[in-house]
Protein backbone atom coordinates (compact mmCIF):
# COMPACT_ATOMS: atom_id res chain seq x y z
CA UNK A 1 0.16 0.07 -0.12
CA UNK A 2 1.42 3.26 -1.04
CA UNK A 3 2.04 5.54 1.94
CA UNK A 4 3.05 8.83 -0.18
CA UNK A 5 0.47 11.73 -0.66
CA UNK A 6 -2.74 11.02 -3.08
CA UNK A 7 -2.67 12.67 -6.62
CA UNK A 8 -5.64 13.70 -8.72
CA UNK A 9 -5.08 12.13 -11.99
CA UNK A 10 -7.27 13.23 -14.93
CA UNK A 11 -7.18 10.24 -17.83
CA UNK A 12 -8.82 11.22 -21.39
CA UNK A 13 -9.97 8.10 -22.70
CA UNK A 14 -11.42 5.39 -21.18
CA UNK A 15 -10.83 2.38 -23.42
CA UNK A 16 -8.94 -0.71 -22.24
CA UNK A 17 -5.73 1.45 -21.94
CA UNK A 18 -7.24 4.07 -20.00
CA UNK A 19 -8.96 1.94 -17.67
CA UNK A 20 -5.93 -0.24 -17.15
CA UNK A 21 -4.16 3.03 -15.94
CA UNK A 22 -6.84 4.23 -14.12
CA UNK A 23 -7.21 0.85 -11.90
CA UNK A 24 -3.64 0.57 -11.41
CA UNK A 25 -3.28 4.19 -9.95
CA UNK A 26 -6.63 3.72 -7.72
CA UNK A 27 -4.88 0.92 -6.53
CA UNK A 28 -1.99 2.82 -5.27
CA UNK A 29 -4.21 5.07 -3.52
CA UNK A 30 -4.83 7.94 -6.14
CA UNK A 31 -7.94 9.92 -7.03
CA UNK A 32 -8.57 9.27 -10.80
CA UNK A 33 -10.92 11.19 -13.25
CA UNK A 34 -11.94 9.40 -16.41
CA UNK A 35 -13.20 11.31 -19.52
CA UNK A 36 -14.63 9.89 -22.21
CA UNK A 37 -16.49 11.09 -25.08
CA UNK A 38 -18.14 8.33 -26.44
CA UNK A 39 -21.56 7.23 -24.53
CA UNK A 40 -20.97 3.72 -25.38
CA UNK A 41 -17.41 3.58 -23.61
CA UNK A 42 -18.60 5.07 -20.73
CA UNK A 43 -18.75 2.09 -18.15
CA UNK A 44 -18.49 3.02 -14.78
CA UNK A 45 -18.69 -0.35 -13.47
CA UNK A 46 -15.57 -1.31 -15.08
CA UNK A 47 -13.77 1.26 -12.74
CA UNK A 48 -16.16 2.03 -10.06
CA UNK A 49 -13.67 3.67 -7.80
CA UNK A 50 -12.99 6.33 -10.56
CA UNK A 51 -14.91 9.31 -11.27
CA UNK A 52 -16.32 9.43 -14.82
CA UNK A 53 -17.18 12.48 -17.11
CA UNK A 54 -18.88 12.06 -20.32
CA UNK A 55 -17.14 14.84 -22.30
CA UNK A 56 -14.99 15.57 -25.22
CA UNK A 57 -11.47 16.33 -23.56
CA UNK A 58 -10.54 18.32 -26.88
CA UNK A 59 -13.05 21.08 -25.86
CA UNK A 60 -11.46 23.74 -23.43
CA UNK A 61 -15.19 24.06 -21.48
CA UNK A 62 -15.48 20.32 -20.83
CA UNK A 63 -12.12 20.69 -19.17
CA UNK A 64 -12.64 23.60 -17.13
CA UNK A 65 -15.82 21.70 -16.03
CA UNK A 66 -13.56 18.80 -14.91
CA UNK A 67 -11.80 21.02 -13.03
CA UNK A 68 -8.50 20.05 -14.82
CA UNK A 69 -6.41 23.04 -13.05
CA UNK A 70 -6.67 21.06 -9.95
CA UNK A 71 -4.93 17.80 -11.41
CA UNK A 72 -1.59 16.75 -10.62
CA UNK A 73 -1.31 14.58 -13.80
CA UNK A 74 -3.12 14.42 -17.05
CA UNK A 75 -2.87 11.20 -19.03
CA UNK A 76 -3.96 11.61 -22.75
CA UNK A 77 -4.82 7.70 -23.20
CA UNK A 78 -7.22 7.74 -26.30
CA UNK A 79 -6.76 5.91 -29.43
CA UNK A 80 -6.17 8.67 -31.46
CA UNK A 81 -2.76 10.52 -31.41
CA UNK A 82 -4.48 13.91 -32.74
CA UNK A 83 -6.55 13.84 -29.78
CA UNK A 84 -3.84 13.00 -27.49
CA UNK A 85 -1.70 15.96 -28.66
CA UNK A 86 -4.43 18.38 -28.55
CA UNK A 87 -5.45 17.06 -24.70
CA UNK A 88 -1.56 17.47 -23.77
CA UNK A 89 -1.46 21.13 -25.31
CA UNK A 90 -4.66 22.28 -23.61
CA UNK A 91 -3.56 20.60 -20.26
CA UNK A 92 -0.13 22.19 -20.10
CA UNK A 93 -0.87 25.44 -21.70
CA UNK A 94 -4.29 26.34 -20.19
CA UNK A 95 -4.42 24.59 -17.08
CA UNK A 96 -0.82 24.38 -15.99
CA UNK A 97 -1.01 20.75 -15.05
CA UNK A 98 2.34 19.74 -13.84
CA UNK A 99 2.94 16.67 -15.55
CA UNK A 100 1.31 15.52 -18.61
CA UNK A 101 1.51 11.86 -19.85
CA UNK A 102 0.50 11.12 -23.65
CA UNK A 103 0.28 7.50 -25.22
CA UNK A 104 1.50 7.37 -28.61
CA UNK A 105 -0.45 4.92 -30.75
CA UNK A 106 1.67 5.11 -34.18
CA UNK A 107 5.44 5.20 -34.21
CA UNK A 108 5.58 7.49 -37.11
CA UNK A 109 3.85 10.20 -34.86
CA UNK A 110 6.37 9.91 -31.88
CA UNK A 111 8.40 12.69 -33.24
CA UNK A 112 5.48 15.08 -32.51
CA UNK A 113 4.99 14.19 -28.79
CA UNK A 114 7.55 16.93 -27.33
CA UNK A 115 7.23 19.81 -24.62
CA UNK A 116 6.21 21.78 -27.55
CA UNK A 117 2.79 20.14 -27.47
CA UNK A 118 2.80 20.18 -23.72
CA UNK A 119 4.05 16.56 -23.43
CA UNK A 120 6.45 15.94 -20.60
CA UNK A 121 6.58 11.96 -21.10
CA UNK A 122 5.36 9.98 -24.21
CA UNK A 123 4.76 6.15 -23.77
CA UNK A 124 2.47 3.33 -25.23
CA UNK A 125 2.54 0.81 -22.29
CA UNK A 126 -0.19 1.06 -19.93
CA UNK A 127 1.84 0.00 -16.85
CA UNK A 128 4.67 2.02 -17.80
CA UNK A 129 2.70 4.95 -18.16
CA UNK A 130 1.38 4.47 -14.57
CA UNK A 131 4.58 4.31 -13.50
CA UNK A 132 5.90 7.07 -14.90
CA UNK A 133 3.03 9.42 -13.43
CA UNK A 134 4.22 8.44 -10.06
CA UNK A 135 7.63 8.31 -10.42
CA UNK A 136 8.13 11.83 -10.80
CA UNK A 137 6.51 12.80 -7.40
CA UNK A 138 7.28 9.61 -5.23
CA UNK A 139 9.77 10.15 -2.83
CA UNK A 140 10.02 7.39 -0.28
CA UNK A 141 8.51 4.43 -1.75
CA UNK A 142 8.95 1.43 -4.48
CA UNK A 143 7.76 2.07 -7.98
CA UNK A 144 7.36 -0.40 -10.32
CA UNK A 145 8.53 0.65 -13.83
CA UNK A 146 8.51 -2.49 -16.13
CA UNK A 147 7.78 -6.23 -15.81
CA UNK A 148 10.16 -8.21 -18.17
CA UNK A 149 8.70 -10.44 -20.77
CA UNK A 150 8.77 -13.79 -18.86
CA UNK A 151 7.28 -12.24 -15.67
CA UNK A 152 10.27 -13.33 -13.61
CA UNK A 153 11.51 -10.17 -12.50
CA UNK A 154 10.60 -6.29 -12.42
CA UNK A 155 12.39 -2.95 -12.81
CA UNK A 156 11.72 -0.79 -9.76
CA UNK A 157 12.79 2.45 -8.93
CA UNK A 158 13.06 4.08 -4.98
CA UNK A 159 14.08 7.77 -4.56
CA UNK A 160 15.82 8.04 -1.43
CA UNK A 161 14.32 10.49 1.17
CA UNK A 162 16.65 12.15 3.58
CA UNK A 163 15.60 9.81 6.44
CA UNK A 164 16.22 6.72 4.63
CA UNK A 165 18.97 4.31 6.57
CA UNK A 166 21.87 3.90 4.27
CA UNK A 167 21.83 7.74 3.22
CA UNK A 168 25.64 8.36 3.12
CA UNK A 169 26.68 4.49 3.14
CA UNK A 170 28.25 2.77 0.50
CA UNK A 171 26.68 0.53 -1.89
CA UNK A 172 28.73 -2.48 -0.41
CA UNK A 173 27.21 -1.76 2.83
CA UNK A 174 23.51 -2.03 1.54
CA UNK A 175 22.18 -5.42 2.38
CA UNK A 176 19.93 -6.50 -0.68
CA UNK A 177 18.27 -9.60 -0.56
CA UNK A 178 19.58 -12.37 -2.84
CA UNK A 179 17.13 -12.00 -5.76
CA UNK A 180 17.56 -7.95 -6.15
CA UNK A 181 20.61 -5.70 -7.89
CA UNK A 182 21.20 -2.07 -8.06
CA UNK A 183 21.66 -1.43 -11.58
CA UNK A 184 21.81 2.36 -11.70
CA UNK A 185 21.95 5.50 -9.68
CA UNK A 186 20.14 8.62 -11.11
CA UNK A 187 21.60 11.65 -9.54
CA UNK A 188 20.24 14.98 -10.84
CA UNK A 189 21.29 14.76 -14.52
CA UNK A 190 23.91 12.16 -14.27
CA UNK A 191 23.48 8.46 -14.84
CA UNK A 192 25.89 6.29 -12.39
CA UNK A 193 26.67 2.67 -13.04
CA UNK A 194 27.02 2.02 -9.34
CA UNK A 195 30.56 0.40 -8.07
CA UNK A 196 30.75 -1.08 -4.38
CA UNK A 197 32.25 1.90 -3.24
CA UNK A 198 29.76 4.50 -4.32
CA UNK A 199 28.07 6.43 -1.61
CA UNK A 200 24.22 6.88 -1.56
CA UNK A 201 22.97 10.52 -1.24
CA UNK A 202 19.41 11.69 -0.48
CA UNK A 203 17.33 12.50 -3.79
CA UNK A 204 18.97 9.56 -5.67
CA UNK A 205 16.97 7.73 -7.86
CA UNK A 206 17.99 3.98 -7.52
CA UNK A 207 16.78 1.72 -9.93
CA UNK A 208 16.82 -2.16 -9.13
CA UNK A 209 16.09 -5.14 -10.78
CA UNK A 210 14.55 -7.84 -8.56
CA UNK A 211 11.70 -10.39 -8.33
CA UNK A 212 8.49 -9.52 -7.15
CA UNK A 213 8.92 -11.98 -4.33
CA UNK A 214 11.72 -9.63 -2.81
CA UNK A 215 10.20 -6.17 -3.57
CA UNK A 216 8.84 -5.81 -0.04
CA UNK A 217 12.44 -6.11 1.38
CA UNK A 218 14.13 -4.06 -1.10
CA UNK A 219 11.76 -1.48 0.08
CA UNK A 220 12.00 -2.15 3.78
CA UNK A 221 16.04 -2.34 3.49
CA UNK A 222 16.04 1.12 1.78
CA UNK A 223 13.65 2.92 3.28
CA UNK A 224 13.51 1.29 7.08
CA UNK A 225 10.67 0.50 9.49
CA UNK A 226 9.11 4.01 8.96
CA UNK A 227 7.37 2.71 5.65
CA UNK A 228 5.62 0.27 7.79
CA UNK A 229 2.04 1.02 9.41
């Protein structure tokens, strides 16, 4: 269960991708608004914990009624790249949403999904989209970024708070479980391939490869007992 603060996330498009993202974010304790313009796709029973709105996310008035300015994140998740670009641009320029994540449906359109269109991150897989929403604002918890194809290991990220027990310690002093490996340290604009002698600093984004069975152990080791209720 996520211990960090809850975000308000608006998702444009309530198809399979939008619902998948919504369900995962809700399970992690966030408040989700699903915006869908097709009445036939408006199925609140599929994600009952979300707030549902029948509206066109490309219309400024609809987004104003949905209080988009109060959202921490907007996800443009429709099956139409043109719609996703318009939603992204409106979210960023008209409502100053801090983080905009957009789905790219056609590879040839990927070059358009830049900050000029209000897009902070463009991705295509639902789990990765949900993780990127959380990764930008989460300090002091584990975020699963990706599951590898055979499902035997995950790529996970932890951003170290100042209170983490191994801040200031060397990598060699961190007692990671057997099926976990620290593969990268992201520090500011640097990407560090960690050696045993590298010290850990508050604010470091630590990227691990580990099995699902040891994720909780990795979280406890890196963050201490303060993460437990």
